[in-house]
Protein backbone atom coordinates (compact mmCIF):
# COMPACT_ATOMS: atom_id res chain seq x y z
CA UNK A 1 -239.26 108.00 212.70
CA UNK A 2 -236.53 104.83 212.86
CA UNK A 3 -237.35 103.84 216.37
CA UNK A 4 -241.29 103.90 215.11
CA UNK A 5 -239.81 102.00 211.97
CA UNK A 6 -237.55 99.75 213.84
CA UNK A 7 -241.30 98.99 216.19
CA UNK A 8 -242.90 98.08 213.16
CA UNK A 9 -240.86 95.47 212.08
CA UNK A 10 -240.55 94.57 215.32
CA UNK A 11 -244.38 93.68 215.64
CA UNK A 12 -244.20 92.33 212.31
CA UNK A 13 -241.08 90.12 212.76
CA UNK A 14 -243.53 88.68 216.03
CA UNK A 15 -246.50 87.99 214.09
CA UNK A 16 -245.19 86.32 211.49
CA UNK A 17 -246.02 83.07 211.62
CA UNK A 18 -245.12 79.95 209.12
CA UNK A 19 -248.67 78.19 209.81
CA UNK A 20 -252.24 80.60 209.37
CA UNK A 21 -255.63 79.50 209.68
CA UNK A 22 -259.20 81.64 208.18
CA UNK A 23 -262.06 81.40 210.75
CA UNK A 24 -260.13 80.31 213.77
CA UNK A 25 -257.99 80.69 215.63
CA UNK A 26 -255.25 78.03 215.08
CA UNK A 27 -254.24 75.15 212.56
CA UNK A 28 -255.28 71.63 213.71
CA UNK A 29 -251.49 70.18 214.51
CA UNK A 30 -248.32 70.88 213.14
CA UNK A 31 -248.39 69.48 209.36
CA UNK A 32 -250.86 71.92 208.64
CA UNK A 33 -249.31 75.16 206.41
CA UNK A 34 -252.98 76.71 205.65
CA UNK A 35 -256.44 76.00 207.38
CA UNK A 36 -260.16 77.12 206.97
CA UNK A 37 -262.76 77.17 209.77
CA UNK A 38 -265.50 74.37 209.64
CA UNK A 39 -268.14 76.50 211.32
CA UNK A 40 -269.17 77.96 207.88
CA UNK A 41 -270.71 76.63 205.03
CA UNK A 42 -268.37 77.87 202.43
CA UNK A 43 -265.55 76.97 199.87
CA UNK A 44 -262.38 77.89 198.77
CA UNK A 45 -262.64 79.23 195.02
CA UNK A 46 -259.61 79.18 192.64
CA UNK A 47 -257.95 81.95 190.44
CA UNK A 48 -259.95 81.79 186.51
CA UNK A 49 -256.97 81.40 183.94
CA UNK A 50 -258.14 82.37 180.17
CA UNK A 51 -254.85 81.33 179.46
CA UNK A 52 -252.99 78.25 181.27
CA UNK A 53 -249.79 78.01 178.91
CA UNK A 54 -247.42 80.78 180.84
CA UNK A 55 -248.85 78.12 184.45
CA UNK A 56 -245.41 76.16 185.21
CA UNK A 57 -245.83 74.72 188.73
CA UNK A 58 -246.41 71.28 189.07
CA UNK A 59 -249.13 70.96 191.57
CA UNK A 60 -250.95 74.16 191.05
CA UNK A 61 -254.67 74.55 190.74
CA UNK A 62 -256.83 76.88 188.29
CA UNK A 63 -260.63 77.70 187.19
CA UNK A 64 -259.49 77.05 183.64
CA UNK A 65 -262.78 79.40 182.04
CA UNK A 66 -262.08 78.92 178.79
CA UNK A 67 -264.14 75.35 179.13
CA UNK A 68 -265.06 75.79 182.75
CA UNK A 69 -262.90 73.28 184.56
CA UNK A 70 -261.24 73.32 187.94
CA UNK A 71 -257.84 71.38 186.62
CA UNK A 72 -254.51 70.83 188.55
CA UNK A 73 -251.38 70.84 186.56
CA UNK A 74 -249.07 67.56 187.16
CA UNK A 75 -245.96 66.61 184.97
CA UNK A 76 -246.74 69.15 183.22
CA UNK A 77 -249.65 67.99 181.61
CA UNK A 78 -253.66 69.57 183.78
CA UNK A 79 -255.29 67.39 185.05
CA UNK A 80 -259.73 67.91 184.84
CA UNK A 81 -261.67 68.20 188.14
CA UNK A 82 -265.13 68.54 186.74
CA UNK A 83 -266.12 65.56 184.79
CA UNK A 84 -269.44 68.21 183.58
CA UNK A 85 -268.88 69.84 180.83
CA UNK A 86 -271.57 71.96 181.53
CA UNK A 87 -270.26 75.17 183.79
CA UNK A 88 -270.03 78.69 183.50
CA UNK A 89 -268.32 81.60 185.72
CA UNK A 90 -269.37 84.93 185.88
CA UNK A 91 -265.65 87.35 184.15
CA UNK A 92 -267.32 90.03 184.44
CA UNK A 93 -265.59 91.29 187.67
CA UNK A 94 -262.47 90.81 186.52
CA UNK A 95 -262.76 92.47 182.56
CA UNK A 96 -261.45 96.28 183.94
CA UNK A 97 -258.51 94.25 186.17
CA UNK A 98 -254.86 93.92 184.74
CA UNK A 99 -252.88 90.83 186.11
CA UNK A 100 -249.69 91.66 188.62
CA UNK A 101 -247.42 89.06 187.52
CA UNK A 102 -245.24 89.84 190.35
CA UNK A 103 -248.61 89.46 193.04
CA UNK A 104 -248.10 86.47 195.50
CA UNK A 105 -248.53 85.64 198.75
CA UNK A 106 -246.57 82.25 200.61
CA UNK A 107 -247.16 80.97 203.94
CA UNK A 108 -244.59 79.28 205.35
CA UNK A 109 -240.96 78.83 207.34
CA UNK A 110 -239.28 80.35 203.73
CA UNK A 111 -242.27 82.23 202.43
CA UNK A 112 -239.92 85.48 202.18
CA UNK A 113 -236.83 83.42 199.83
CA UNK A 114 -239.38 80.99 198.16
CA UNK A 115 -239.59 81.34 194.50
CA UNK A 116 -242.46 79.76 193.03
CA UNK A 117 -244.76 81.46 191.18
CA UNK A 118 -248.40 81.76 192.44
CA UNK A 119 -251.16 83.24 193.65
CA UNK A 120 -250.86 81.62 196.55
CA UNK A 121 -248.20 79.33 197.45
CA UNK A 122 -247.90 77.00 200.51
CA UNK A 123 -244.01 76.78 200.61
CA UNK A 124 -243.14 74.08 203.14
CA UNK A 125 -242.36 70.86 202.09
CA UNK A 126 -243.55 68.69 204.63
CA UNK A 127 -246.81 70.59 205.25
CA UNK A 128 -250.51 70.59 203.51
CA UNK A 129 -253.72 73.11 202.94
CA UNK A 130 -256.40 71.69 204.26
CA UNK A 131 -259.59 72.72 202.62
CA UNK A 132 -262.67 74.01 204.12
CA UNK A 133 -264.37 70.57 205.33
CA UNK A 134 -268.33 70.41 204.86
CA UNK A 135 -271.17 68.54 205.76
CA UNK A 136 -273.13 67.87 201.43
CA UNK A 137 -271.43 70.92 200.25
CA UNK A 138 -273.91 70.36 197.54
CA UNK A 139 -276.69 70.70 199.80
CA UNK A 140 -275.20 73.12 201.83
CA UNK A 141 -273.50 76.60 199.37
CA UNK A 142 -276.25 78.05 199.18
CA UNK A 143 -274.94 80.21 196.24
CA UNK A 144 -271.32 78.24 195.20
CA UNK A 145 -268.91 79.93 192.80
CA UNK A 146 -267.26 78.65 190.12
CA UNK A 147 -264.19 77.45 190.58
CA UNK A 148 -265.24 76.61 194.13
CA UNK A 149 -263.56 73.60 196.07
CA UNK A 150 -264.65 72.07 199.57
CA UNK A 151 -263.53 67.99 201.14
CA UNK A 152 -266.70 67.19 201.65
CA UNK A 153 -267.57 65.57 205.18
CA UNK A 154 -270.07 63.61 204.51
CA UNK A 155 -269.48 61.41 201.81
CA UNK A 156 -265.74 61.75 202.65
CA UNK A 157 -264.40 63.64 199.49
CA UNK A 158 -263.34 66.33 197.70
CA UNK A 159 -266.21 68.72 196.03
CA UNK A 160 -265.45 71.17 192.95
CA UNK A 161 -268.44 73.34 191.39
CA UNK A 162 -267.77 73.73 188.09
CA UNK A 163 -270.41 77.08 187.99
CA UNK A 164 -273.65 73.89 186.88
CA UNK A 165 -272.57 71.57 189.12
CA UNK A 166 -270.68 69.76 191.35
CA UNK A 167 -268.23 66.85 190.69
CA UNK A 168 -266.96 64.65 193.53
CA UNK A 169 -263.54 62.51 193.52
CA UNK A 170 -262.83 60.35 196.23
CA UNK A 171 -259.04 58.73 196.41
């Protein structure tokens, strides 16, 4: 039994990486923590939050179900990325679920020891996440979900879907 357990731990340790590619075999460079494939016309869906009062980590990005907006926390204040106020969302999938407040997935070299609260935490201070890249997501993502984000490769800007319309952000 000890040998089997030791073998499983060894395999797990060997396969743990500080960089993750989803839908592809590797990330594009060493500055990336999490990267999505460009081959599919899909975005990333943010967590739906009904009460954001307990969220204190600056840099958090959520879909606020209270007003149907995509928001991020900066300097302890929430900033709206949706612009439009006509958003909607279907919460029926979550109604019979209980949130496990200790749930967390960490990606990075110190993910095992990082104490930052969140569902998905990128723990490296010198790497970033690359959102799914989609040409004209408002035209090519056929059935977007509320809280979806993607990088529009045509307009070179962030696209956010609030359940009704897409909003676009350019630095």
